[in-house]
Structure formats: structure tokens, C-alpha cells
């Protein structure tokens, strides 16, 4: 190949590679593409994955997500219908339904997020302001769940419902609307505003509801007071059970002791009667020997160094000593 043709061929090859490379693009399963020519969209959006072509240097492939995207709002302080100020933190799920319209009206996901901030925050604020706190916290079917828990034996469940059920008659009734229904209404209202941007809202959820700082401390104090009251009630019931058990124990102990004492007295009475009978039989056989034995037993058992008896020699106690003859006098 002549030297003068080598350079032009290399240049042409490079240009062809650049043109071919610029005309090919790959669309993945999670993407969708809109082709624009000089800034204006041409053709239909490409939603099928694979290798696709465009005019190089003139047309541009604009990629958009096909997957579900997440939106997280900033916590807002909103008053409820019953004039209770709360912090509401919400989240939503959305997707680009019409990429061509999305490109024309919004352009980028960042811009779409800012549009969602205004629309969803406004919808959430309207629905929170139009409903009571109990409806935002609880869901439909709460009363049935409460009855099931009461049937299961949770007697303190009514106490755990708080002062709201006691002060608000509507709060203790069956809820016609709860958090689930309110969030469905939020989705419906937002869905009427977002199609013009090529966006479809799929779900809106309330992540967290909390009292504002000025009310939160009082709520905590009330919760602590409620817990202390329930604890005092448990302690009182425990003391009552303890007193009942101790009383029953004392009654059983007194009954057992009484029965034991009665049985012991019966045994002792029978033993005394038998001993008396034996003594009487013994006395009847040799009264003189028995009297002599009793006198000797008195001599043996008498131990009282401080005691003093003053008796004459003719006292009955010394009869056996007095009548005893000295050994030396025996013939």
C-alpha cells in the first residue's frame, strides 16, 4: 500500500468506527429510552431490552428508569381535625409511566422529585387536616381486633387505649375510616395530578406520626402516669391475693393445730385413764408397799438447797426412819 494512502485510510476507518459506535446503544431490562433529534423527541419510546440504533451525531438516546422509584418527604408539622399538632413523615413509590411525556414535561428525575415534593406534601397536609388523630393512627377493623384481644383475656387492653377513648366518644366507636383508607385517598388525589408529567404514583405511606415537642413531654408524663397506675393496680391485686393466701394458710394451720391438739388430748386422756387404772390395781395389791415407795421417791427427788422444813420427829414423813430399829440392838 502506498504511503500516501495509508493515512487517509486510517482516518476513514476511525471515522467509521466512531459513527458505528455512536449509532449503537444498549437498553437493559430496567431502562427505557426516548430518542431526540436536535432536542426534539422522534419516534416512539423504546421499552424493550436489547441493541438499538440511532443516527449518530444527530440523535441522542435519553435513558430513564423503568423500575419503581422511591420518594421520601420531609417531616412536616400538621394540625389534625381535632386540633392536635403532630409531625408526619411520609414516603411514596412511583414510576415513569410515559417516558416521552416525562421528558417533555419534567426532563430529569431530580426535577420530578421536586414536583413530587409539592404535590404529595400538599395532598398529605390536606388529608391529615381533614381527619382526626385516631383515624390517622389506627386502621379499619381496629374494633374487631380489640374484641379479639379482650376475648383472649387481655383485660387491661382498654386501659392501654389511653385517655383519648375515654374523652372522645367517637374514638371508642368502630372506625369508618382508618390510616389504610386515608392513604388510599391520598394516592387517588395525587394520581389525578401526576399523569400530565408522565408519572404514575403507586403508593403513599405514613412512616411515622409523632407529637410536636411542646406536647410530647406531656404525653410521656401521661403515659408514665398510666403505667404507674396500672402497676399500682397490679400491686394492689397482688397484695389482695397475698392476704387471701395468708389468711387461708392461717385458717388451715389453726385447723390442723386444733385437730392435732384434740387428738393429743384424746391420746393423753386415754393414757391417763390407763395409768390411773394401772396405779389403782397396783395400790390395791399392797397399799403399805406403795406408800413406802412414794416416801422413798420423795426423798430422792427432793433437791432444794435453799428450802427449809421444820418438822417434829413424830412427823408422818419420818415414820419409816423412826420405826427402823438400829442394827446394834439385834439380839
Protein backbone atom coordinates (compact mmCIF):
# COMPACT_ATOMS: atom_id res chain seq x y z
CA UNK A 1 0.00 0.00 0.00
CA UNK A 2 1.39 3.39 -0.95
CA UNK A 3 2.46 5.59 1.88
CA UNK A 4 0.30 8.46 0.68
CA UNK A 5 -2.90 6.34 1.02
CA UNK A 6 -2.21 4.81 4.45
CA UNK A 7 -3.08 7.90 6.49
CA UNK A 8 -6.42 8.65 4.73
CA UNK A 9 -7.48 5.01 5.13
CA UNK A 10 -6.71 5.12 8.87
CA UNK A 11 -8.67 8.37 9.23
CA UNK A 12 -11.64 6.94 7.33
CA UNK A 13 -11.57 3.78 9.47
CA UNK A 14 -11.55 5.82 12.67
CA UNK A 15 -14.45 7.93 11.43
CA UNK A 16 -16.42 4.80 10.50
CA UNK A 17 -15.78 3.26 13.95
CA UNK A 18 -16.92 6.46 15.64
CA UNK A 19 -20.04 6.62 13.50
CA UNK A 20 -20.90 2.97 14.10
CA UNK A 21 -20.18 3.29 17.83
CA UNK A 22 -22.34 6.42 18.04
CA UNK A 23 -25.22 4.75 16.22
CA UNK A 24 -25.49 1.76 18.55
CA UNK A 25 -26.80 1.74 22.13
CA UNK A 26 -27.93 -0.97 24.54
CA UNK A 27 -31.15 -0.83 26.52
CA UNK A 28 -31.23 -3.00 29.69
CA UNK A 29 -34.29 -4.59 31.28
CA UNK A 30 -34.53 -1.77 33.82
CA UNK A 31 -34.37 1.11 31.35
CA UNK A 32 -36.47 2.83 28.74
CA UNK A 33 -35.20 5.26 26.11
CA UNK A 34 -36.54 8.26 24.23
CA UNK A 35 -34.68 9.31 21.04
CA UNK A 36 -34.33 13.04 20.48
CA UNK A 37 -33.10 14.80 17.35
CA UNK A 38 -31.79 18.32 17.86
CA UNK A 39 -33.56 18.32 21.24
CA UNK A 40 -36.94 17.15 19.89
CA UNK A 41 -38.23 13.62 20.50
CA UNK A 42 -38.61 11.40 17.44
CA UNK A 43 -40.35 8.07 17.19
CA UNK A 44 -41.89 6.03 19.99
CA UNK A 45 -40.16 5.34 23.31
CA UNK A 46 -38.03 2.20 23.39
CA UNK A 47 -39.04 -0.07 26.26
CA UNK A 48 -37.68 -3.41 25.03
CA UNK A 49 -34.23 -4.52 26.15
CA UNK A 50 -31.58 -5.16 23.52
CA UNK A 51 -29.34 -3.50 20.93
CA UNK A 52 -30.82 -0.48 19.12
CA UNK A 53 -29.76 2.07 16.52
CA UNK A 54 -29.89 5.84 16.14
CA UNK A 55 -28.47 8.41 13.80
CA UNK A 56 -25.01 9.32 15.13
CA UNK A 57 -24.16 12.91 16.00
CA UNK A 58 -27.72 13.99 15.26
CA UNK A 59 -29.87 11.87 17.54
CA UNK A 60 -29.44 11.32 21.29
CA UNK A 61 -30.65 8.46 23.47
CA UNK A 62 -32.25 9.65 26.73
CA UNK A 63 -32.35 6.86 29.33
CA UNK A 64 -35.00 6.67 32.06
CA UNK A 65 -35.63 4.18 34.83
CA UNK A 66 -38.32 1.58 34.27
CA UNK A 67 -38.22 0.35 37.88
CA UNK A 68 -40.24 1.65 40.81
CA UNK A 69 -38.60 4.69 42.39
CA UNK A 70 -38.72 5.90 45.98
CA UNK A 71 -39.72 9.32 47.23
CA UNK A 72 -39.13 10.35 50.85
CA UNK A 73 -40.71 13.51 52.13
CA UNK A 74 -39.51 15.81 54.88
CA UNK A 75 -41.34 15.59 58.24
CA UNK A 76 -43.96 18.33 58.46
CA UNK A 77 -45.83 19.76 61.43
CA UNK A 78 -49.54 19.48 60.59
CA UNK A 79 -52.65 20.04 62.75
CA UNK A 80 -55.33 17.34 62.68
CA UNK A 81 -59.05 17.94 62.54
CA UNK A 82 -59.26 17.62 66.33
CA UNK A 83 -56.59 20.37 66.74
CA UNK A 84 -53.66 18.14 67.67
CA UNK A 85 -50.31 19.19 66.22
CA UNK A 86 -48.25 16.26 65.01
CA UNK A 87 -45.15 15.55 62.95
CA UNK A 88 -45.97 13.47 59.87
CA UNK A 89 -43.24 11.67 57.91
CA UNK A 90 -44.36 10.12 54.62
CA UNK A 91 -42.88 8.07 51.81
CA UNK A 92 -44.14 7.16 48.34
CA UNK A 93 -43.40 4.83 45.44
CA UNK A 94 -43.69 5.98 41.83
CA UNK A 95 -42.53 5.14 38.32
CA UNK A 96 -42.18 6.76 34.94
CA UNK A 97 -45.22 5.56 33.04
CA UNK A 98 -44.84 7.66 29.88
CA UNK A 99 -41.14 8.43 29.23
CA UNK A 100 -41.93 10.72 26.27
CA UNK A 101 -44.29 12.88 28.30
CA UNK A 102 -41.88 12.73 31.24
CA UNK A 103 -39.08 14.07 29.00
CA UNK A 104 -41.25 16.86 27.64
CA UNK A 105 -42.78 17.99 30.95
CA UNK A 106 -40.15 17.11 33.57
CA UNK A 107 -36.88 16.14 31.95
CA UNK A 108 -34.94 14.58 34.85
CA UNK A 109 -35.60 12.53 37.94
CA UNK A 110 -34.30 15.35 40.12
CA UNK A 111 -36.90 17.71 38.71
CA UNK A 112 -39.56 15.04 39.15
CA UNK A 113 -38.65 14.70 42.82
CA UNK A 114 -39.15 18.42 43.35
CA UNK A 115 -42.57 18.20 41.64
CA UNK A 116 -43.49 15.27 43.88
CA UNK A 117 -42.42 17.25 46.93
CA UNK A 118 -45.00 19.91 46.24
CA UNK A 119 -47.83 17.61 45.13
CA UNK A 120 -47.54 14.82 47.71
CA UNK A 121 -46.84 17.20 50.61
CA UNK A 122 -49.94 19.18 49.69
CA UNK A 123 -52.09 16.03 49.46
CA UNK A 124 -50.79 14.70 52.78
CA UNK A 125 -51.36 18.02 54.52
CA UNK A 126 -54.97 18.20 53.25
CA UNK A 127 -55.85 14.69 54.39
CA UNK A 128 -54.17 15.00 57.77
CA UNK A 129 -56.00 18.27 58.43
CA UNK A 130 -59.34 16.70 57.43
CA UNK A 131 -59.09 13.67 59.72
CA UNK A 132 -58.77 13.01 63.43
CA UNK A 133 -55.61 11.70 65.02
CA UNK A 134 -57.23 8.39 65.96
CA UNK A 135 -58.11 7.80 62.30
CA UNK A 136 -54.54 8.52 61.21
CA UNK A 137 -53.07 6.16 63.79
CA UNK A 138 -55.46 3.22 63.62
CA UNK A 139 -56.76 1.16 60.75
CA UNK A 140 -60.18 -0.18 59.87
CA UNK A 141 -61.07 -3.30 61.81
CA UNK A 142 -59.45 -2.00 64.99
CA UNK A 143 -62.59 -2.68 66.99
CA UNK A 144 -62.70 -6.30 65.84
CA UNK A 145 -59.04 -6.73 66.80
CA UNK A 146 -59.78 -5.17 70.20
CA UNK A 147 -62.69 -7.55 70.79
CA UNK A 148 -60.48 -10.50 69.84
CA UNK A 149 -57.84 -9.39 72.35
CA UNK A 150 -60.48 -8.93 75.05
CA UNK A 151 -61.84 -12.41 74.33
CA UNK A 152 -58.28 -13.73 74.64
CA UNK A 153 -58.21 -12.48 78.23
CA UNK A 154 -56.32 -9.18 77.92
CA UNK A 155 -58.42 -7.30 80.45
CA UNK A 156 -56.10 -4.28 80.58
CA UNK A 157 -56.37 -3.60 76.87
CA UNK A 158 -58.99 -0.88 77.41
CA UNK A 159 -56.54 0.90 79.74
CA UNK A 160 -53.85 0.84 77.08
CA UNK A 161 -56.12 2.68 74.65
CA UNK A 162 -55.30 5.87 76.56
CA UNK A 163 -57.35 8.87 77.58
CA UNK A 164 -58.49 9.53 74.04
CA UNK A 165 -61.06 6.72 74.10
CA UNK A 166 -62.35 7.99 77.45
CA UNK A 167 -62.62 11.65 76.46
CA UNK A 168 -63.80 11.22 72.87
CA UNK A 169 -66.92 9.07 72.39
CA UNK A 170 -66.21 8.80 68.66
CA UNK A 171 -62.75 7.38 69.30
CA UNK A 172 -64.15 4.31 71.06
CA UNK A 173 -66.65 3.61 68.28
CA UNK A 174 -65.99 1.47 65.22
CA UNK A 175 -63.78 3.44 62.83
CA UNK A 176 -65.36 4.08 59.49
CA UNK A 177 -62.06 5.41 58.20
CA UNK A 178 -58.55 4.48 59.24
CA UNK A 179 -54.99 5.01 58.08
CA UNK A 180 -55.27 2.49 55.24
CA UNK A 181 -58.30 4.19 53.72
CA UNK A 182 -56.79 7.65 54.18
CA UNK A 183 -53.59 6.64 52.37
CA UNK A 184 -55.67 5.16 49.53
CA UNK A 185 -57.42 8.52 49.23
CA UNK A 186 -54.03 10.24 49.16
CA UNK A 187 -52.93 8.03 46.28
CA UNK A 188 -56.18 8.74 44.40
CA UNK A 189 -55.83 12.51 44.80
CA UNK A 190 -52.16 12.52 43.80
CA UNK A 191 -52.87 10.27 40.81
CA UNK A 192 -55.16 12.94 39.35
CA UNK A 193 -52.34 15.50 39.34
CA UNK A 194 -49.35 13.44 38.16
CA UNK A 195 -50.38 11.88 34.79
CA UNK A 196 -49.66 15.15 32.98
CA UNK A 197 -46.00 14.66 33.93
CA UNK A 198 -45.86 11.06 32.69
CA UNK A 199 -45.61 9.83 36.28
CA UNK A 200 -47.70 7.13 37.97
CA UNK A 201 -47.96 7.18 41.75
CA UNK A 202 -48.17 3.65 43.15
CA UNK A 203 -48.33 4.06 46.89
CA UNK A 204 -48.16 6.62 49.69
CA UNK A 205 -47.41 5.54 53.22
CA UNK A 206 -47.13 7.33 56.56
CA UNK A 207 -43.83 6.21 58.05
CA UNK A 208 -44.09 7.95 61.39
CA UNK A 209 -46.50 10.10 63.37
CA UNK A 210 -45.33 11.88 66.48
CA UNK A 211 -46.46 14.73 68.70
CA UNK A 212 -44.71 18.06 68.45
CA UNK A 213 -42.09 18.82 71.11
CA UNK A 214 -44.42 21.04 73.15
CA UNK A 215 -46.94 18.22 73.56
CA UNK A 216 -44.58 15.25 73.57
CA UNK A 217 -43.35 15.74 77.14
CA UNK A 218 -46.90 15.92 78.48
CA UNK A 219 -47.79 12.78 76.55
CA UNK A 220 -44.80 10.97 78.03
CA UNK A 221 -45.76 12.11 81.51
CA UNK A 222 -49.31 10.88 80.97
CA UNK A 223 -48.01 7.54 79.68
CA UNK A 224 -45.75 7.21 82.73
CA UNK A 225 -48.67 8.06 85.00
CA UNK A 226 -50.83 5.45 83.27
CA UNK A 227 -48.14 2.81 83.59
CA UNK A 228 -47.69 3.67 87.27
CA UNK A 229 -51.43 3.44 87.83
CA UNK A 230 -51.57 0.03 86.17
CA UNK A 231 -48.52 -1.10 88.17
CA UNK A 232 -50.22 0.10 91.38
CA UNK A 233 -53.35 -1.80 90.38
CA UNK A 234 -51.31 -4.95 89.80
CA UNK A 235 -49.55 -4.49 93.14
CA UNK A 236 -52.90 -3.97 94.88
CA UNK A 237 -54.31 -7.11 93.29
CA UNK A 238 -51.14 -8.97 94.26
CA UNK A 239 -51.42 -7.76 97.87
CA UNK A 240 -55.04 -8.89 97.91
CA UNK A 241 -54.09 -12.31 96.61
CA UNK A 242 -51.25 -12.46 99.16
CA UNK A 243 -53.61 -11.58 102.01
CA UNK A 244 -56.12 -14.17 100.83
CA UNK A 245 -53.43 -16.86 100.59
CA UNK A 246 -52.00 -15.97 104.02
CA UNK A 247 -55.50 -15.95 105.53
CA UNK A 248 -56.27 -19.36 104.07
CA UNK A 249 -52.89 -20.61 105.29
CA UNK A 250 -53.57 -19.35 108.82
CA UNK A 251 -57.03 -20.94 108.80
CA UNK A 252 -55.56 -24.24 107.63
CA UNK A 253 -52.80 -24.00 110.25
CA UNK A 254 -55.31 -23.26 113.01
CA UNK A 255 -57.48 -26.17 111.86
CA UNK A 256 -54.51 -28.55 111.76
CA UNK A 257 -53.30 -27.42 115.18
CA UNK A 258 -56.79 -27.73 116.63
CA UNK A 259 -57.22 -31.22 115.23
CA UNK A 260 -53.74 -32.17 116.44
CA UNK A 261 -54.44 -30.75 119.92
CA UNK A 262 -57.75 -32.60 120.09
CA UNK A 263 -56.09 -35.86 119.02
CA UNK A 264 -53.27 -35.30 121.54
CA UNK A 265 -55.73 -34.62 124.34
CA UNK A 266 -57.69 -37.74 123.44
CA UNK A 267 -54.49 -39.80 123.49
CA UNK A 268 -53.35 -38.15 126.74
CA UNK A 269 -56.78 -38.77 128.32
CA UNK A 270 -56.69 -42.43 127.30
CA UNK A 271 -53.13 -42.72 128.62
CA UNK A 272 -54.06 -41.04 131.94
CA UNK A 273 -57.04 -43.33 132.30
CA UNK A 274 -54.88 -46.36 131.63
CA UNK A 275 -52.20 -45.09 134.01
CA UNK A 276 -54.84 -44.47 136.70
CA UNK A 277 -56.19 -47.95 136.19
CA UNK A 278 -52.71 -49.44 136.49
CA UNK A 279 -51.95 -47.35 139.59
CA UNK A 280 -55.25 -48.34 141.16
CA UNK A 281 -54.56 -52.01 140.53
CA UNK A 282 -51.08 -51.60 141.97
CA UNK A 283 -52.34 -49.73 145.04
CA UNK A 284 -54.92 -52.40 145.64
CA UNK A 285 -52.37 -55.21 145.78
CA UNK A 286 -50.11 -53.77 148.57
CA UNK A 287 -51.01 -50.27 149.83
CA UNK A 288 -48.30 -50.34 152.50
CA UNK A 289 -45.54 -51.03 149.98
CA UNK A 290 -46.84 -48.31 147.70
CA UNK A 291 -46.79 -45.75 150.48
CA UNK A 292 -43.23 -46.80 151.35
CA UNK A 293 -42.20 -46.46 147.68
CA UNK A 294 -43.72 -42.98 147.39
CA UNK A 295 -41.87 -41.86 150.53
CA UNK A 296 -38.54 -43.05 149.14
CA UNK A 297 -39.25 -41.37 145.83
CA UNK A 298 -39.87 -38.07 147.65
CA UNK A 299 -36.51 -38.43 149.42
CA UNK A 300 -34.79 -38.99 146.11
CA UNK A 301 -36.45 -36.17 144.19
CA UNK A 302 -36.13 -33.53 146.86
CA UNK A 303 -33.26 -31.20 145.86
CA UNK A 304 -33.66 -27.70 147.14
CA UNK A 305 -30.59 -26.30 148.88
CA UNK A 306 -32.50 -23.16 149.85
CA UNK A 307 -35.54 -25.00 151.12
CA UNK A 308 -36.13 -25.47 154.87
CA UNK A 309 -38.54 -27.84 156.57
CA UNK A 310 -39.34 -27.60 160.26
CA UNK A 311 -40.98 -30.84 161.42
CA UNK A 312 -41.10 -32.84 164.56
CA UNK A 313 -39.71 -36.36 164.97
CA UNK A 314 -43.20 -37.72 165.05
CA UNK A 315 -43.99 -36.41 161.55
CA UNK A 316 -45.55 -38.92 159.19
CA UNK A 317 -42.70 -38.34 156.73
CA UNK A 318 -40.18 -39.87 159.12
CA UNK A 319 -42.34 -42.81 160.04
CA UNK A 320 -40.16 -45.36 158.22
CA UNK A 321 -36.98 -43.81 159.61
CA UNK A 322 -38.39 -43.68 163.12
CA UNK A 323 -39.72 -47.20 163.16
CA UNK A 324 -36.41 -48.66 161.82
CA UNK A 325 -34.51 -50.42 164.62
CA UNK A 326 -30.72 -49.91 164.94
CA UNK A 327 -28.59 -52.87 163.86
CA UNK A 328 -26.66 -52.95 167.12
CA UNK A 329 -29.83 -53.63 169.11
CA UNK A 330 -30.44 -57.01 167.48
CA UNK A 331 -30.05 -59.86 169.87
